[in-house]
Amino acid sequence: MPLYEYKCDSHGSFEVMLSIAERGRAVCCPTCDSATQKVFTMPALRNMAPTMMKAHEKNERSRQAPHVCGSTCSHSHAKKPQPKVPEGQKPPLQSYKGSRPWVIEHA
Protein backbone atom coordinates (compact mmCIF):
# COMPACT_ATOMS: atom_id res chain seq x y z
CA MET A 1 0.00 0.00 0.00
CA PRO A 2 1.22 3.52 -0.74
CA LEU A 3 2.37 5.78 2.07
CA TYR A 4 0.88 9.29 1.94
CA GLU A 5 2.14 12.33 3.83
CA TYR A 6 -0.24 14.85 5.39
CA LYS A 7 0.36 18.12 7.27
CA CYS A 8 -1.48 19.43 10.30
CA ASP A 9 -1.14 23.19 10.89
CA SER A 10 -0.69 22.61 14.63
CA HIS A 11 1.30 19.37 14.86
CA GLY A 12 3.30 19.18 11.62
CA SER A 13 3.49 16.35 9.12
CA PHE A 14 2.62 12.68 9.54
CA GLU A 15 2.29 9.67 7.26
CA VAL A 16 -0.71 7.43 6.62
CA MET A 17 -0.78 4.16 4.69
CA LEU A 18 -3.89 4.04 2.48
CA SER A 19 -4.97 1.82 -0.36
CA ILE A 20 -5.06 3.40 -3.80
CA ALA A 21 -8.86 3.29 -3.72
CA GLU A 22 -8.83 5.47 -0.57
CA ARG A 23 -6.28 8.02 -1.82
CA GLY A 24 -8.88 10.81 -2.15
CA ARG A 25 -10.49 10.53 1.28
CA ALA A 26 -10.01 13.22 3.93
CA VAL A 27 -7.54 12.39 6.71
CA CYS A 28 -7.62 14.01 10.15
CA CYS A 29 -4.64 14.69 12.41
CA PRO A 30 -4.10 11.75 14.79
CA THR A 31 -3.26 14.16 17.65
CA CYS A 32 -5.93 16.89 17.47
CA ASP A 33 -8.40 15.35 14.96
CA SER A 34 -8.43 18.53 12.81
CA ALA A 35 -8.52 18.64 8.98
CA THR A 36 -5.18 18.20 7.18
CA GLN A 37 -3.73 18.79 3.74
CA LYS A 38 -1.98 16.19 1.61
CA VAL A 39 1.72 16.94 1.00
CA PHE A 40 3.19 15.93 -2.34
CA THR A 41 6.73 14.61 -1.90
CA MET A 42 9.32 12.97 -4.10
CA PRO A 43 9.14 9.17 -4.30
CA ALA A 44 11.59 7.23 -2.13
CA LEU A 45 14.02 6.27 -4.88
CA ARG A 46 16.78 5.34 -2.43
CA ASN A 47 14.99 2.05 -1.80
CA MET A 48 16.01 0.89 -5.28
CA ALA A 49 18.73 -1.65 -5.89
CA PRO A 50 22.16 0.05 -6.17
CA THR A 51 22.52 -0.81 -9.86
CA MET A 52 19.08 0.62 -10.65
CA MET A 53 19.85 3.76 -8.62
CA LYS A 54 23.14 4.25 -10.47
CA ALA A 55 21.34 3.91 -13.82
CA HIS A 56 18.64 6.36 -12.66
CA GLU A 57 21.24 8.92 -11.55
CA LYS A 58 23.12 8.58 -14.85
CA ASN A 59 19.89 9.16 -16.78
CA GLU A 60 19.05 12.20 -14.66
CA ARG A 61 22.53 13.71 -15.26
CA SER A 62 22.28 13.11 -19.00
CA ARG A 63 18.83 14.70 -19.31
CA GLN A 64 20.31 18.22 -19.54
CA ALA A 65 23.88 17.38 -20.57
CA PRO A 66 24.15 14.07 -22.45
CA HIS A 67 27.46 12.22 -22.34
CA VAL A 68 29.46 12.65 -25.55
CA CYS A 69 32.18 10.07 -26.09
CA GLY A 70 35.63 11.34 -26.93
CA SER A 71 39.31 10.95 -26.13
CA THR A 72 38.71 11.82 -22.46
CA CYS A 73 36.22 8.99 -21.85
CA SER A 74 37.13 6.51 -19.17
CA HIS A 75 35.54 3.54 -20.92
CA SER A 76 37.08 1.59 -23.77
CA HIS A 77 35.98 2.01 -27.37
CA ALA A 78 38.30 -0.64 -28.78
CA LYS A 79 36.67 -2.93 -31.32
CA LYS A 80 37.68 -6.50 -31.93
CA PRO A 81 39.45 -6.96 -35.26
CA GLN A 82 37.16 -8.53 -37.83
CA PRO A 83 38.52 -11.54 -39.74
CA LYS A 84 39.28 -10.94 -43.41
CA VAL A 85 36.72 -12.62 -45.66
CA PRO A 86 37.78 -13.56 -49.20
CA GLU A 87 35.86 -11.73 -51.89
CA GLY A 88 32.64 -13.47 -52.92
CA GLN A 89 32.21 -15.33 -49.61
CA LYS A 90 29.90 -14.53 -46.75
CA PRO A 91 31.41 -13.92 -43.31
CA PRO A 92 30.92 -16.78 -40.84
CA LEU A 93 27.95 -16.51 -38.51
CA GLN A 94 28.71 -15.30 -35.02
CA SER A 95 26.83 -16.36 -31.92
CA TYR A 96 26.10 -14.28 -28.87
CA LYS A 97 27.59 -15.85 -25.72
CA GLY A 98 25.71 -13.87 -23.04
CA SER A 99 22.17 -14.27 -21.74
CA ARG A 100 19.45 -12.86 -23.96
CA PRO A 101 16.46 -11.87 -21.84
CA TRP A 102 14.81 -10.18 -24.82
CA VAL A 103 14.54 -13.43 -26.84
CA ILE A 104 11.35 -15.47 -26.64
CA GLU A 105 12.17 -19.04 -27.53
CA HIS A 106 9.57 -21.48 -28.80
CA ALA A 107 9.45 -25.10 -27.68
PDB file of N, CA and C in Angstrom:
ATOM      1  N   MET A   1       0.829  -1.186   0.000  1.00  0.00           N
ATOM      2  CA  MET A   1       0.000   0.000   0.000  1.00  0.00           C
ATOM      3  C   MET A   1       0.872   1.247   0.000  1.00  0.00           C
ATOM      4  N   PRO A   2       0.457   2.267  -0.700  1.00  0.00           N
ATOM      5  CA  PRO A   2       1.223   3.517  -0.736  1.00  0.00           C
ATOM      6  C   PRO A   2       1.178   4.251   0.601  1.00  0.00           C
ATOM      7  N   LEU A   3       2.236   4.984   0.855  1.00  0.00           N
ATOM      8  CA  LEU A   3       2.367   5.782   2.066  1.00  0.00           C
ATOM      9  C   LEU A   3       2.179   7.244   1.671  1.00  0.00           C
ATOM     10  N   TYR A   4       1.179   7.902   2.258  1.00  0.00           N
ATOM     11  CA  TYR A   4       0.881   9.293   1.940  1.00  0.00           C
ATOM     12  C   TYR A   4       1.281  10.177   3.110  1.00  0.00           C
ATOM     13  N   GLU A   5       1.748  11.388   2.788  1.00  0.00           N
ATOM     14  CA  GLU A   5       2.139  12.333   3.834  1.00  0.00           C
ATOM     15  C   GLU A   5       1.106  13.454   3.907  1.00  0.00           C
ATOM     16  N   TYR A   6       0.721  13.782   5.135  1.00  0.00           N
ATOM     17  CA  TYR A   6      -0.242  14.852   5.389  1.00  0.00           C
ATOM     18  C   TYR A   6       0.376  15.842   6.357  1.00  0.00           C
ATOM     19  N   LYS A   7      -0.172  17.083   6.383  1.00  0.00           N
ATOM     20  CA  LYS A   7       0.363  18.116   7.270  1.00  0.00           C
ATOM     21  C   LYS A   7      -0.767  18.748   8.065  1.00  0.00           C
ATOM     22  N   CYS A   8      -0.564  18.755   9.373  1.00  0.00           N
ATOM     23  CA  CYS A   8      -1.481  19.434  10.295  1.00  0.00           C
ATOM     24  C   CYS A   8      -0.854  20.794  10.608  1.00  0.00           C
ATOM     25  N   ASP A   9      -1.667  21.850  10.599  1.00  0.00           N
ATOM     26  CA  ASP A   9      -1.144  23.194  10.886  1.00  0.00           C
ATOM     27  C   ASP A   9      -0.582  23.297  12.304  1.00  0.00           C
ATOM     28  N   SER A  10      -1.131  22.534  13.229  1.00  0.00           N
ATOM     29  CA  SER A  10      -0.693  22.609  14.627  1.00  0.00           C
ATOM     30  C   SER A  10       0.427  21.636  14.978  1.00  0.00           C
ATOM     31  N   HIS A  11       0.377  20.423  14.423  1.00  0.00           N
ATOM     32  CA  HIS A  11       1.297  19.370  14.860  1.00  0.00           C
ATOM     33  C   HIS A  11       2.302  18.919  13.797  1.00  0.00           C
ATOM     34  N   GLY A  12       2.316  19.538  12.651  1.00  0.00           N
ATOM     35  CA  GLY A  12       3.303  19.182  11.621  1.00  0.00           C
ATOM     36  C   GLY A  12       2.855  18.014  10.754  1.00  0.00           C
ATOM     37  N   SER A  13       3.821  17.393  10.095  1.00  0.00           N
ATOM     38  CA  SER A  13       3.492  16.353   9.119  1.00  0.00           C
ATOM     39  C   SER A  13       3.476  14.967   9.768  1.00  0.00           C
ATOM     40  N   PHE A  14       2.702  14.076   9.121  1.00  0.00           N
ATOM     41  CA  PHE A  14       2.615  12.679   9.539  1.00  0.00           C
ATOM     42  C   PHE A  14       2.289  11.849   8.309  1.00  0.00           C
ATOM     43  N   GLU A  15       2.512  10.562   8.395  1.00  0.00           N
ATOM     44  CA  GLU A  15       2.292   9.666   7.259  1.00  0.00           C
ATOM     45  C   GLU A  15       1.166   8.702   7.563  1.00  0.00           C
ATOM     46  N   VAL A  16       0.402   8.368   6.504  1.00  0.00           N
ATOM     47  CA  VAL A  16      -0.709   7.431   6.619  1.00  0.00           C
ATOM     48  C   VAL A  16      -0.613   6.451   5.455  1.00  0.00           C
ATOM     49  N   MET A  17      -0.786   5.172   5.737  1.00  0.00           N
ATOM     50  CA  MET A  17      -0.784   4.160   4.689  1.00  0.00           C
ATOM     51  C   MET A  17      -2.229   3.916   4.268  1.00  0.00           C
ATOM     52  N   LEU A  18      -2.534   4.203   3.012  1.00  0.00           N
ATOM     53  CA  LEU A  18      -3.888   4.045   2.478  1.00  0.00           C
ATOM     54  C   LEU A  18      -3.829   3.220   1.205  1.00  0.00           C
ATOM     55  N   SER A  19      -4.906   2.526   0.920  1.00  0.00           N
ATOM     56  CA  SER A  19      -4.972   1.820  -0.364  1.00  0.00           C
ATOM     57  C   SER A  19      -5.165   2.863  -1.470  1.00  0.00           C
ATOM     58  N   ILE A  20      -4.918   2.469  -2.679  1.00  0.00           N
ATOM     59  CA  ILE A  20      -5.056   3.404  -3.801  1.00  0.00           C
ATOM     60  C   ILE A  20      -6.519   3.831  -3.951  1.00  0.00           C
ATOM     61  N   ALA A  21      -7.444   2.951  -3.633  1.00  0.00           N
ATOM     62  CA  ALA A  21      -8.862   3.288  -3.719  1.00  0.00           C
ATOM     63  C   ALA A  21      -9.241   4.386  -2.722  1.00  0.00           C
ATOM     64  N   GLU A  22      -8.521   4.485  -1.602  1.00  0.00           N
ATOM     65  CA  GLU A  22      -8.829   5.475  -0.567  1.00  0.00           C
ATOM     66  C   GLU A  22      -8.004   6.755  -0.684  1.00  0.00           C
ATOM     67  N   ARG A  23      -7.232   6.904  -1.722  1.00  0.00           N
ATOM     68  CA  ARG A  23      -6.284   8.020  -1.819  1.00  0.00           C
ATOM     69  C   ARG A  23      -6.941   9.394  -1.777  1.00  0.00           C
ATOM     70  N   GLY A  24      -8.215   9.506  -2.106  1.00  0.00           N
ATOM     71  CA  GLY A  24      -8.878  10.805  -2.147  1.00  0.00           C
ATOM     72  C   GLY A  24      -9.616  11.166  -0.870  1.00  0.00           C
ATOM     73  N   ARG A  25      -9.692  10.244   0.076  1.00  0.00           N
ATOM     74  CA  ARG A  25     -10.489  10.533   1.278  1.00  0.00           C
ATOM     75  C   ARG A  25      -9.772  11.513   2.201  1.00  0.00           C
ATOM     76  N   ALA A  26     -10.565  12.243   2.980  1.00  0.00           N
ATOM     77  CA  ALA A  26     -10.013  13.219   3.927  1.00  0.00           C
ATOM     78  C   ALA A  26      -9.388  12.489   5.110  1.00  0.00           C
ATOM     79  N   VAL A  27      -8.244  12.978   5.569  1.00  0.00           N
ATOM     80  CA  VAL A  27      -7.539  12.392   6.709  1.00  0.00           C
ATOM     81  C   VAL A  27      -7.411  13.458   7.784  1.00  0.00           C
ATOM     82  N   CYS A  28      -7.724  13.095   9.019  1.00  0.00           N
ATOM     83  CA  CYS A  28      -7.619  14.014  10.151  1.00  0.00           C
ATOM     84  C   CYS A  28      -6.332  13.771  10.910  1.00  0.00           C
ATOM     85  N   CYS A  29      -5.853  14.778  11.596  1.00  0.00           N
ATOM     86  CA  CYS A  29      -4.639  14.689  12.405  1.00  0.00           C
ATOM     87  C   CYS A  29      -4.858  13.661  13.521  1.00  0.00           C
ATOM     88  N   PRO A  30      -3.913  12.742  13.733  1.00  0.00           N
ATOM     89  CA  PRO A  30      -4.096  11.749  14.788  1.00  0.00           C
ATOM     90  C   PRO A  30      -4.004  12.350  16.195  1.00  0.00           C
ATOM     91  N   THR A  31      -3.412  13.533  16.331  1.00  0.00           N
ATOM     92  CA  THR A  31      -3.259  14.159  17.648  1.00  0.00           C
ATOM     93  C   THR A  31      -4.465  15.011  18.018  1.00  0.00           C
ATOM     94  N   CYS A  32      -4.854  15.947  17.121  1.00  0.00           N
ATOM     95  CA  CYS A  32      -5.931  16.886  17.466  1.00  0.00           C
ATOM     96  C   CYS A  32      -7.220  16.660  16.683  1.00  0.00           C
ATOM     97  N   ASP A  33      -7.223  15.719  15.753  1.00  0.00           N
ATOM     98  CA  ASP A  33      -8.402  15.355  14.962  1.00  0.00           C
ATOM     99  C   ASP A  33      -8.916  16.508  14.090  1.00  0.00           C
ATOM    100  N   SER A  34      -8.020  17.431  13.691  1.00  0.00           N
ATOM    101  CA  SER A  34      -8.426  18.533  12.809  1.00  0.00           C
ATOM    102  C   SER A  34      -8.132  18.151  11.355  1.00  0.00           C
ATOM    103  N   ALA A  35      -8.712  18.899  10.415  1.00  0.00           N
ATOM    104  CA  ALA A  35      -8.523  18.639   8.984  1.00  0.00           C
ATOM    105  C   ALA A  35      -7.059  18.875   8.587  1.00  0.00           C
ATOM    106  N   THR A  36      -6.570  18.083   7.645  1.00  0.00           N
ATOM    107  CA  THR A  36      -5.178  18.196   7.178  1.00  0.00           C
ATOM    108  C   THR A  36      -5.134  18.352   5.674  1.00  0.00           C
ATOM    109  N   GLN A  37      -3.956  18.674   5.172  1.00  0.00           N
ATOM    110  CA  GLN A  37      -3.728  18.792   3.737  1.00  0.00           C
ATOM    111  C   GLN A  37      -2.712  17.738   3.319  1.00  0.00           C
ATOM    112  N   LYS A  38      -2.928  17.174   2.135  1.00  0.00           N
ATOM    113  CA  LYS A  38      -1.982  16.193   1.609  1.00  0.00           C
ATOM    114  C   LYS A  38      -0.731  16.922   1.130  1.00  0.00           C
ATOM    115  N   VAL A  39       0.437  16.372   1.430  1.00  0.00           N
ATOM    116  CA  VAL A  39       1.715  16.944   1.004  1.00  0.00           C
ATOM    117  C   VAL A  39       2.266  16.066  -0.110  1.00  0.00           C
ATOM    118  N   PHE A  40       2.632  16.685  -1.225  1.00  0.00           N
ATOM    119  CA  PHE A  40       3.186  15.929  -2.339  1.00  0.00           C
ATOM    120  C   PHE A  40       4.706  15.932  -2.228  1.00  0.00           C
ATOM    121  N   THR A  41       5.292  14.751  -2.076  1.00  0.00           N
ATOM    122  CA  THR A  41       6.732  14.609  -1.899  1.00  0.00           C
ATOM    123  C   THR A  41       7.315  13.770  -3.019  1.00  0.00           C
ATOM    124  N   MET A  42       8.628  13.800  -3.117  1.00  0.00           N
ATOM    125  CA  MET A  42       9.323  12.969  -4.102  1.00  0.00           C
ATOM    126  C   MET A  42       9.221  11.506  -3.692  1.00  0.00           C
ATOM    127  N   PRO A  43       9.174  10.587  -4.665  1.00  0.00           N
ATOM    128  CA  PRO A  43       9.144   9.172  -4.304  1.00  0.00           C
ATOM    129  C   PRO A  43      10.456   8.752  -3.650  1.00  0.00           C
ATOM    130  N   ALA A  44      10.403   7.725  -2.847  1.00  0.00           N
ATOM    131  CA  ALA A  44      11.591   7.227  -2.132  1.00  0.00           C
ATOM    132  C   ALA A  44      12.414   6.358  -3.070  1.00  0.00           C
ATOM    133  N   LEU A  45      13.233   6.996  -3.901  1.00  0.00           N
ATOM    134  CA  LEU A  45      14.019   6.266  -4.884  1.00  0.00           C
ATOM    135  C   LEU A  45      15.227   5.571  -4.262  1.00  0.00           C
ATOM    136  N   ARG A  46      15.615   5.950  -3.066  1.00  0.00           N
ATOM    137  CA  ARG A  46      16.781   5.341  -2.434  1.00  0.00           C
ATOM    138  C   ARG A  46      16.524   3.897  -2.022  1.00  0.00           C
ATOM    139  N   ASN A  47      15.289   3.433  -2.111  1.00  0.00           N
ATOM    140  CA  ASN A  47      14.994   2.049  -1.795  1.00  0.00           C
ATOM    141  C   ASN A  47      15.248   1.126  -2.978  1.00  0.00           C
ATOM    142  N   MET A  48      15.702   1.690  -4.095  1.00  0.00           N
ATOM    143  CA  MET A  48      16.010   0.889  -5.277  1.00  0.00           C
ATOM    144  C   MET A  48      17.294   0.104  -5.062  1.00  0.00           C
ATOM    145  N   ALA A  49      17.478  -0.917  -5.883  1.00  0.00           N
ATOM    146  CA  ALA A  49      18.730  -1.654  -5.888  1.00  0.00           C
ATOM    147  C   ALA A  49      19.845  -0.695  -6.322  1.00  0.00           C
ATOM    148  N   PRO A  50      21.078  -0.884  -5.828  1.00  0.00           N
ATOM    149  CA  PRO A  50      22.164   0.049  -6.168  1.00  0.00           C
ATOM    150  C   PRO A  50      22.406   0.180  -7.666  1.00  0.00           C
ATOM    151  N   THR A  51      22.293  -0.911  -8.417  1.00  0.00           N
ATOM    152  CA  THR A  51      22.522  -0.811  -9.864  1.00  0.00           C
ATOM    153  C   THR A  51      21.430   0.005 -10.541  1.00  0.00           C
ATOM    154  N   MET A  52      20.184  -0.163 -10.075  1.00  0.00           N
ATOM    155  CA  MET A  52      19.084   0.617 -10.651  1.00  0.00           C
ATOM    156  C   MET A  52      19.222   2.092 -10.284  1.00  0.00           C
ATOM    157  N   MET A  53      19.664   2.374  -9.057  1.00  0.00           N
ATOM    158  CA  MET A  53      19.845   3.756  -8.623  1.00  0.00           C
ATOM    159  C   MET A  53      20.955   4.430  -9.421  1.00  0.00           C
ATOM    160  N   LYS A  54      22.035   3.698  -9.678  1.00  0.00           N
ATOM    161  CA  LYS A  54      23.139   4.251 -10.469  1.00  0.00           C
ATOM    162  C   LYS A  54      22.665   4.576 -11.884  1.00  0.00           C
ATOM    163  N   ALA A  55      21.880   3.671 -12.475  1.00  0.00           N
ATOM    164  CA  ALA A  55      21.343   3.914 -13.816  1.00  0.00           C
ATOM    165  C   ALA A  55      20.396   5.112 -13.811  1.00  0.00           C
ATOM    166  N   HIS A  56      19.569   5.227 -12.767  1.00  0.00           N
ATOM    167  CA  HIS A  56      18.643   6.360 -12.664  1.00  0.00           C
ATOM    168  C   HIS A  56      19.403   7.673 -12.546  1.00  0.00           C
ATOM    169  N   GLU A  57      20.446   7.694 -11.706  1.00  0.00           N
ATOM    170  CA  GLU A  57      21.243   8.915 -11.550  1.00  0.00           C
ATOM    171  C   GLU A  57      21.946   9.291 -12.845  1.00  0.00           C
ATOM    172  N   LYS A  58      22.452   8.306 -13.567  1.00  0.00           N
ATOM    173  CA  LYS A  58      23.118   8.576 -14.846  1.00  0.00           C
ATOM    174  C   LYS A  58      22.123   9.156 -15.845  1.00  0.00           C
ATOM    175  N   ASN A  59      20.907   8.621 -15.878  1.00  0.00           N
ATOM    176  CA  ASN A  59      19.886   9.158 -16.781  1.00  0.00           C
ATOM    177  C   ASN A  59      19.498  10.581 -16.399  1.00  0.00           C
ATOM    178  N   GLU A  60      19.392  10.851 -15.110  1.00  0.00           N
ATOM    179  CA  GLU A  60      19.054  12.205 -14.661  1.00  0.00           C
ATOM    180  C   GLU A  60      20.147  13.203 -15.038  1.00  0.00           C
ATOM    181  N   ARG A  61      21.422  12.808 -14.883  1.00  0.00           N
ATOM    182  CA  ARG A  61      22.528  13.711 -15.261  1.00  0.00           C
ATOM    183  C   ARG A  61      22.531  13.966 -16.758  1.00  0.00           C
ATOM    184  N   SER A  62      22.193  12.944 -17.556  1.00  0.00           N
ATOM    185  CA  SER A  62      22.278  13.108 -19.003  1.00  0.00           C
ATOM    186  C   SER A  62      21.043  13.773 -19.595  1.00  0.00           C
ATOM    187  N   ARG A  63      20.036  14.046 -18.778  1.00  0.00           N
ATOM    188  CA  ARG A  63      18.834  14.698 -19.311  1.00  0.00           C
ATOM    189  C   ARG A  63      19.169  16.074 -19.855  1.00  0.00           C
ATOM    190  N   GLN A  64      19.957  16.870 -19.120  1.00  0.00           N
ATOM    191  CA  GLN A  64      20.306  18.217 -19.537  1.00  0.00           C
ATOM    192  C   GLN A  64      21.649  18.277 -20.270  1.00  0.00           C
ATOM    193  N   ALA A  65      22.561  17.381 -19.949  1.00  0.00           N
ATOM    194  CA  ALA A  65      23.884  17.384 -20.567  1.00  0.00           C
ATOM    195  C   ALA A  65      24.270  15.949 -20.923  1.00  0.00           C
ATOM    196  N   PRO A  66      23.851  15.447 -22.090  1.00  0.00           N
ATOM    197  CA  PRO A  66      24.151  14.069 -22.455  1.00  0.00           C
ATOM    198  C   PRO A  66      25.651  13.816 -22.565  1.00  0.00           C
ATOM    199  N   HIS A  67      26.056  12.597 -22.254  1.00  0.00           N
ATOM    200  CA  HIS A  67      27.460  12.224 -22.340  1.00  0.00           C
ATOM    201  C   HIS A  67      27.854  12.103 -23.814  1.00  0.00           C
ATOM    202  N   VAL A  68      28.931  12.740 -24.190  1.00  0.00           N
ATOM    203  CA  VAL A  68      29.457  12.652 -25.547  1.00  0.00           C
ATOM    204  C   VAL A  68      30.806  11.957 -25.462  1.00  0.00           C
ATOM    205  N   CYS A  69      30.930  10.833 -26.144  1.00  0.00           N
ATOM    206  CA  CYS A  69      32.176  10.072 -26.095  1.00  0.00           C
ATOM    207  C   CYS A  69      33.278  10.820 -26.835  1.00  0.00           C
ATOM    208  N   GLY A  70      34.472  10.707 -26.317  1.00  0.00           N
ATOM    209  CA  GLY A  70      35.628  11.341 -26.929  1.00  0.00           C
ATOM    210  C   GLY A  70      36.907  10.772 -26.357  1.00  0.00           C
ATOM    211  N   SER A  71      38.007  11.454 -26.579  1.00  0.00           N
ATOM    212  CA  SER A  71      39.307  10.954 -26.129  1.00  0.00           C
ATOM    213  C   SER A  71      39.450  10.981 -24.611  1.00  0.00           C
ATOM    214  N   THR A  72      38.610  11.746 -23.924  1.00  0.00           N
ATOM    215  CA  THR A  72      38.714  11.825 -22.464  1.00  0.00           C
ATOM    216  C   THR A  72      37.810  10.827 -21.744  1.00  0.00           C
ATOM    217  N   CYS A  73      37.099   9.985 -22.475  1.00  0.00           N
ATOM    218  CA  CYS A  73      36.217   8.994 -21.850  1.00  0.00           C
ATOM    219  C   CYS A  73      37.033   7.980 -21.062  1.00  0.00           C
ATOM    220  N   SER A  74      36.438   7.503 -19.978  1.00  0.00           N
ATOM    221  CA  SER A  74      37.132   6.511 -19.170  1.00  0.00           C
ATOM    222  C   SER A  74      36.840   5.094 -19.630  1.00  0.00           C
ATOM    223  N   HIS A  75      35.828   4.897 -20.462  1.00  0.00           N
ATOM    224  CA  HIS A  75      35.538   3.543 -20.923  1.00  0.00           C
ATOM    225  C   HIS A  75      36.199   3.271 -22.269  1.00  0.00           C
ATOM    226  N   SER A  76      36.350   2.006 -22.571  1.00  0.00           N
ATOM    227  CA  SER A  76      37.084   1.592 -23.766  1.00  0.00           C
ATOM    228  C   SER A  76      36.178   1.585 -24.992  1.00  0.00           C
ATOM    229  N   HIS A  77      36.709   2.033 -26.107  1.00  0.00           N
ATOM    230  CA  HIS A  77      35.980   2.014 -27.369  1.00  0.00           C
ATOM    231  C   HIS A  77      36.643   1.062 -28.363  1.00  0.00           C
ATOM    232  N   ALA A  78      37.557   0.246 -27.878  1.00  0.00           N
ATOM    233  CA  ALA A  78      38.302  -0.638 -28.777  1.00  0.00           C
ATOM    234  C   ALA A  78      37.367  -1.690 -29.360  1.00  0.00           C
ATOM    235  N   LYS A  79      37.456  -1.899 -30.648  1.00  0.00           N
ATOM    236  CA  LYS A  79      36.668  -2.925 -31.323  1.00  0.00           C
ATOM    237  C   LYS A  79      37.553  -4.120 -31.607  1.00  0.00           C
ATOM    238  N   LYS A  80      36.929  -5.293 -31.591  1.00  0.00           N
ATOM    239  CA  LYS A  80      37.678  -6.499 -31.933  1.00  0.00           C
ATOM    240  C   LYS A  80      37.965  -6.476 -33.430  1.00  0.00           C
ATOM    241  N   PRO A  81      39.168  -6.918 -33.827  1.00  0.00           N
ATOM    242  CA  PRO A  81      39.448  -6.961 -35.258  1.00  0.00           C
ATOM    243  C   PRO A  81      38.572  -8.006 -35.941  1.00  0.00           C
ATOM    244  N   GLN A  82      38.005  -7.628 -37.065  1.00  0.00           N
ATOM    245  CA  GLN A  82      37.158  -8.532 -37.828  1.00  0.00           C
ATOM    246  C   GLN A  82      38.014  -9.385 -38.754  1.00  0.00           C
ATOM    247  N   PRO A  83      37.718 -10.690 -38.852  1.00  0.00           N
ATOM    248  CA  PRO A  83      38.519 -11.538 -39.741  1.00  0.00           C
ATOM    249  C   PRO A  83      38.307 -11.137 -41.206  1.00  0.00           C
ATOM    250  N   LYS A  84      39.354 -11.248 -41.986  1.00  0.00           N
ATOM    251  CA  LYS A  84      39.276 -10.941 -43.415  1.00  0.00           C
ATOM    252  C   LYS A  84      38.502 -12.047 -44.118  1.00  0.00           C
ATOM    253  N   VAL A  85      37.541 -11.659 -44.927  1.00  0.00           N
ATOM    254  CA  VAL A  85      36.725 -12.620 -45.663  1.00  0.00           C
ATOM    255  C   VAL A  85      37.095 -12.500 -47.136  1.00  0.00           C
ATOM    256  N   PRO A  86      37.462 -13.628 -47.770  1.00  0.00           N
ATOM    257  CA  PRO A  86      37.783 -13.563 -49.195  1.00  0.00           C
ATOM    258  C   PRO A  86      36.594 -13.039 -49.994  1.00  0.00           C
ATOM    259  N   GLU A  87      36.895 -12.344 -51.069  1.00  0.00           N
ATOM    260  CA  GLU A  87      35.857 -11.731 -51.891  1.00  0.00           C
ATOM    261  C   GLU A  87      34.933 -12.806 -52.453  1.00  0.00           C
ATOM    262  N   GLY A  88      33.625 -12.538 -52.396  1.00  0.00           N
ATOM    263  CA  GLY A  88      32.644 -13.469 -52.917  1.00  0.00           C
ATOM    264  C   GLY A  88      32.120 -14.439 -51.867  1.00  0.00           C
ATOM    265  N   GLN A  89      32.678 -14.443 -50.681  1.00  0.00           N
ATOM    266  CA  GLN A  89      32.207 -15.331 -49.609  1.00  0.00           C
ATOM    267  C   GLN A  89      31.504 -14.516 -48.534  1.00  0.00           C
ATOM    268  N   LYS A  90      30.593 -15.186 -47.846  1.00  0.00           N
ATOM    269  CA  LYS A  90      29.898 -14.532 -46.748  1.00  0.00           C
ATOM    270  C   LYS A  90      30.718 -14.727 -45.474  1.00  0.00           C
ATOM    271  N   PRO A  91      30.688 -13.747 -44.579  1.00  0.00           N
ATOM    272  CA  PRO A  91      31.411 -13.921 -43.315  1.00  0.00           C
ATOM    273  C   PRO A  91      30.746 -15.025 -42.483  1.00  0.00           C
ATOM    274  N   PRO A  92      31.512 -15.723 -41.662  1.00  0.00           N
ATOM    275  CA  PRO A  92      30.922 -16.780 -40.840  1.00  0.00           C
ATOM    276  C   PRO A  92      29.944 -16.179 -39.819  1.00  0.00           C
ATOM    277  N   LEU A  93      28.934 -16.966 -39.487  1.00  0.00           N
ATOM    278  CA  LEU A  93      27.953 -16.510 -38.513  1.00  0.00           C
ATOM    279  C   LEU A  93      28.591 -16.445 -37.135  1.00  0.00           C
ATOM    280  N   GLN A  94      28.193 -15.456 -36.363  1.00  0.00           N
ATOM    281  CA  GLN A  94      28.707 -15.301 -35.016  1.00  0.00           C
ATOM    282  C   GLN A  94      27.558 -15.516 -34.038  1.00  0.00           C
ATOM    283  N   SER A  95      27.863 -16.145 -32.929  1.00  0.00           N
ATOM    284  CA  SER A  95      26.829 -16.356 -31.923  1.00  0.00           C
ATOM    285  C   SER A  95      27.100 -15.462 -30.723  1.00  0.00           C
ATOM    286  N   TYR A  96      26.018 -15.110 -30.051  1.00  0.00           N
ATOM    287  CA  TYR A  96      26.105 -14.275 -28.867  1.00  0.00           C
ATOM    288  C   TYR A  96      26.262 -15.196 -27.667  1.00  0.00           C
ATOM    289  N   LYS A  97      27.274 -14.955 -26.835  1.00  0.00           N
ATOM    290  CA  LYS A  97      27.589 -15.851 -25.724  1.00  0.00           C
ATOM    291  C   LYS A  97      26.841 -15.508 -24.432  1.00  0.00           C
ATOM    292  N   GLY A  98      26.359 -14.293 -24.286  1.00  0.00           N
ATOM    293  CA  GLY A  98      25.706 -13.871 -23.043  1.00  0.00           C
ATOM    294  C   GLY A  98      24.247 -14.282 -22.988  1.00  0.00           C
ATOM    295  N   SER A  99      23.597 -13.981 -21.873  1.00  0.00           N
ATOM    296  CA  SER A  99      22.173 -14.269 -21.742  1.00  0.00           C
ATOM    297  C   SER A  99      21.381 -13.267 -22.572  1.00  0.00           C
ATOM    298  N   ARG A 100      20.265 -13.714 -23.107  1.00  0.00           N
ATOM    299  CA  ARG A 100      19.445 -12.858 -23.955  1.00  0.00           C
ATOM    300  C   ARG A 100      18.028 -12.795 -23.395  1.00  0.00           C
ATOM    301  N   PRO A 101      17.776 -11.923 -22.437  1.00  0.00           N
ATOM    302  CA  PRO A 101      16.457 -11.866 -21.844  1.00  0.00           C
ATOM    303  C   PRO A 101      15.385 -11.347 -22.796  1.00  0.00           C
ATOM    304  N   TRP A 102      15.775 -10.742 -23.886  1.00  0.00           N
ATOM    305  CA  TRP A 102      14.805 -10.177 -24.820  1.00  0.00           C
ATOM    306  C   TRP A 102      14.320 -11.200 -25.841  1.00  0.00           C
ATOM    307  N   VAL A 103      14.901 -12.411 -25.864  1.00  0.00           N
ATOM    308  CA  VAL A 103      14.543 -13.433 -26.840  1.00  0.00           C
ATOM    309  C   VAL A 103      13.462 -14.326 -26.261  1.00  0.00           C
ATOM    310  N   ILE A 104      12.403 -14.531 -27.028  1.00  0.00           N
ATOM    311  CA  ILE A 104      11.346 -15.471 -26.636  1.00  0.00           C
ATOM    312  C   ILE A 104      11.558 -16.717 -27.470  1.00  0.00           C
ATOM    313  N   GLU A 105      11.909 -17.803 -26.811  1.00  0.00           N
ATOM    314  CA  GLU A 105      12.170 -19.039 -27.534  1.00  0.00           C
ATOM    315  C   GLU A 105      10.919 -19.898 -27.552  1.00  0.00           C
ATOM    316  N   HIS A 106      10.738 -20.615 -28.646  1.00  0.00           N
ATOM    317  CA  HIS A 106       9.575 -21.482 -28.803  1.00  0.00           C
ATOM    318  C   HIS A 106       9.996 -22.923 -28.589  1.00  0.00           C
ATOM    319  N   ALA A 107       9.128 -23.694 -27.969  1.00  0.00           N
ATOM    320  CA  ALA A 107       9.448 -25.099 -27.682  1.00  0.00           C
ATOM    321  C   ALA A 107       9.202 -25.968 -28.879  1.00  0.00           C
TER     322      ALA A 107
END
